[in-house]
Every structure is written in structure tokens, then in C-alpha cells.
C-alpha atoms as a PDB file:
ATOM      1  CA  MET A   1       0.164   0.076   0.052  1.00  0.00           C
ATOM      2  CA  LEU A   2       2.875   2.504   0.955  1.00  0.00           C
ATOM      3  CA  VAL A   3       4.487   1.682  -2.265  1.00  0.00           C
ATOM      4  CA  GLU A   4       1.171   2.508  -4.432  1.00  0.00           C
ATOM      5  CA  ILE A   5       1.000   5.811  -2.515  1.00  0.00           C
ATOM      6  CA  LEU A   6       4.685   6.987  -3.194  1.00  0.00           C
ATOM      7  CA  THR A   7       4.151   5.918  -6.738  1.00  0.00           C
ATOM      8  CA  ALA A   8       1.264   8.004  -7.065  1.00  0.00           C
ATOM      9  CA  LEU A   9       2.965  11.202  -5.413  1.00  0.00           C
ATOM     10  CA  CYS A  10       5.957  10.696  -7.647  1.00  0.00           C
ATOM     11  CA  LEU A  11       3.774  10.801 -10.822  1.00  0.00           C
ATOM     12  CA  VAL A  12       1.711  13.944  -9.393  1.00  0.00           C
ATOM     13  CA  LEU A  13       5.155  15.764  -9.232  1.00  0.00           C
ATOM     14  CA  VAL A  14       6.244  14.596 -12.705  1.00  0.00           C
ATOM     15  CA  LEU A  15       2.723  15.733 -14.162  1.00  0.00           C
ATOM     16  CA  GLU A  16       3.004  18.952 -12.268  1.00  0.00           C
ATOM     17  CA  GLY A  17       6.329  19.805 -13.550  1.00  0.00           C
ATOM     18  CA  ILE A  18       5.441  19.185 -17.338  1.00  0.00           C
ATOM     19  CA  LEU A  19       3.816  22.609 -17.928  1.00  0.00           C
ATOM     20  CA  PRO A  20       6.400  24.620 -16.250  1.00  0.00           C
ATOM     21  CA  PHE A  21       9.133  22.702 -18.195  1.00  0.00           C
ATOM     22  CA  LEU A  22       7.416  22.977 -21.559  1.00  0.00           C
ATOM     23  CA  ASN A  23       5.805  26.310 -21.374  1.00  0.00           C
ATOM     24  CA  PRO A  24       7.036  28.469 -18.478  1.00  0.00           C
ATOM     25  CA  GLU A  25       5.604  31.629 -19.398  1.00  0.00           C
ATOM     26  CA  GLY A  26       1.942  30.133 -20.109  1.00  0.00           C
ATOM     27  CA  TYR A  27       2.466  28.434 -16.572  1.00  0.00           C
ATOM     28  CA  LYS A  28       3.397  31.860 -15.190  1.00  0.00           C
ATOM     29  CA  ARG A  29      -0.120  33.398 -16.634  1.00  0.00           C
ATOM     30  CA  THR A  30      -2.022  30.566 -15.566  1.00  0.00           C
ATOM     31  CA  ILE A  31      -0.977  31.183 -11.923  1.00  0.00           C
ATOM     32  CA  ARG A  32      -1.525  34.606 -12.227  1.00  0.00           C
ATOM     33  CA  ALA A  33      -5.234  34.113 -13.784  1.00  0.00           C
ATOM     34  CA  MET A  34      -5.784  31.636 -10.916  1.00  0.00           C
ATOM     35  CA  LEU A  35      -5.002  34.658  -8.250  1.00  0.00           C
ATOM     36  CA  ASP A  36      -8.091  36.483  -9.955  1.00  0.00           C
ATOM     37  CA  VAL A  37     -10.823  33.649  -9.166  1.00  0.00           C
ATOM     38  CA  ASP A  38     -12.621  33.676  -6.051  1.00  0.00           C
ATOM     39  CA  ASN A  39     -12.230  31.246  -3.031  1.00  0.00           C
ATOM     40  CA  GLU A  40     -15.708  29.543  -3.678  1.00  0.00           C
ATOM     41  CA  ARG A  41     -15.041  28.686  -7.398  1.00  0.00           C
ATOM     42  CA  MET A  42     -11.557  27.430  -6.575  1.00  0.00           C
ATOM     43  CA  ARG A  43     -13.182  25.036  -4.060  1.00  0.00           C
ATOM     44  CA  ILE A  44     -15.473  24.032  -6.595  1.00  0.00           C
ATOM     45  CA  ILE A  45     -12.935  23.377  -9.151  1.00  0.00           C
ATOM     46  CA  GLY A  46     -10.715  21.559  -6.500  1.00  0.00           C
ATOM     47  CA  LEU A  47     -13.767  19.339  -5.557  1.00  0.00           C
ATOM     48  CA  SER A  48     -14.545  18.666  -9.139  1.00  0.00           C
ATOM     49  CA  SER A  49     -10.948  17.460  -9.552  1.00  0.00           C
ATOM     50  CA  MET A  50     -10.975  15.338  -6.797  1.00  0.00           C
ATOM     51  CA  ILE A  51     -14.348  13.477  -7.704  1.00  0.00           C
ATOM     52  CA  ALA A  52     -13.294  13.004 -11.056  1.00  0.00           C
ATOM     53  CA  GLY A  53      -9.873  11.478  -9.968  1.00  0.00           C
ATOM     54  CA  VAL A  54     -11.787   9.040  -7.615  1.00  0.00           C
ATOM     55  CA  VAL A  55     -14.160   8.356 -10.409  1.00  0.00           C
ATOM     56  CA  LEU A  56     -11.256   7.423 -12.815  1.00  0.00           C
ATOM     57  CA  LEU A  57      -9.355   5.239 -10.401  1.00  0.00           C
ATOM     58  CA  THR A  58     -12.533   3.367  -9.616  1.00  0.00           C
ATOM     59  CA  ILE A  59     -12.978   2.730 -13.468  1.00  0.00           C
ATOM     60  CA  LEU A  60      -9.569   1.757 -13.940  1.00  0.00           C
ATOM     61  CA  ARG A  61      -9.167  -0.518 -10.943  1.00  0.00           C
END
């Protein structure tokens, strides 16, 4: 179980690093745009992302 969790965390780091590596200027623009989004909308986006991840994991497993 621990190996799977660590593997997942490593994959998150790899995926999170792709955009700043390939397009650092676009990444900066995206982060700046996120600062203008209100907290409620960010929470909804985060929750939607988590639900989508759980659903996809359930389907794949």
C-alpha cells in the first residue's frame, strides 16, 4: 500500500512539472489568472477535480 501511495505522489510531481518545463511563460500566466478566481470557485474546481480522479481510479481499478 505504501509503495502505491509513493508511486502516485511521484507521478503527481512528474505531471505537475510538465507545464512549467514545456511552457514556463504560459504557466506563469495561468498562475496569475488563478489569483483572480474567488475562493468559492477554486473550491468547486478542486472538489470537481478530486471527484473526477476518484471516479477514474474506480473505473481503472
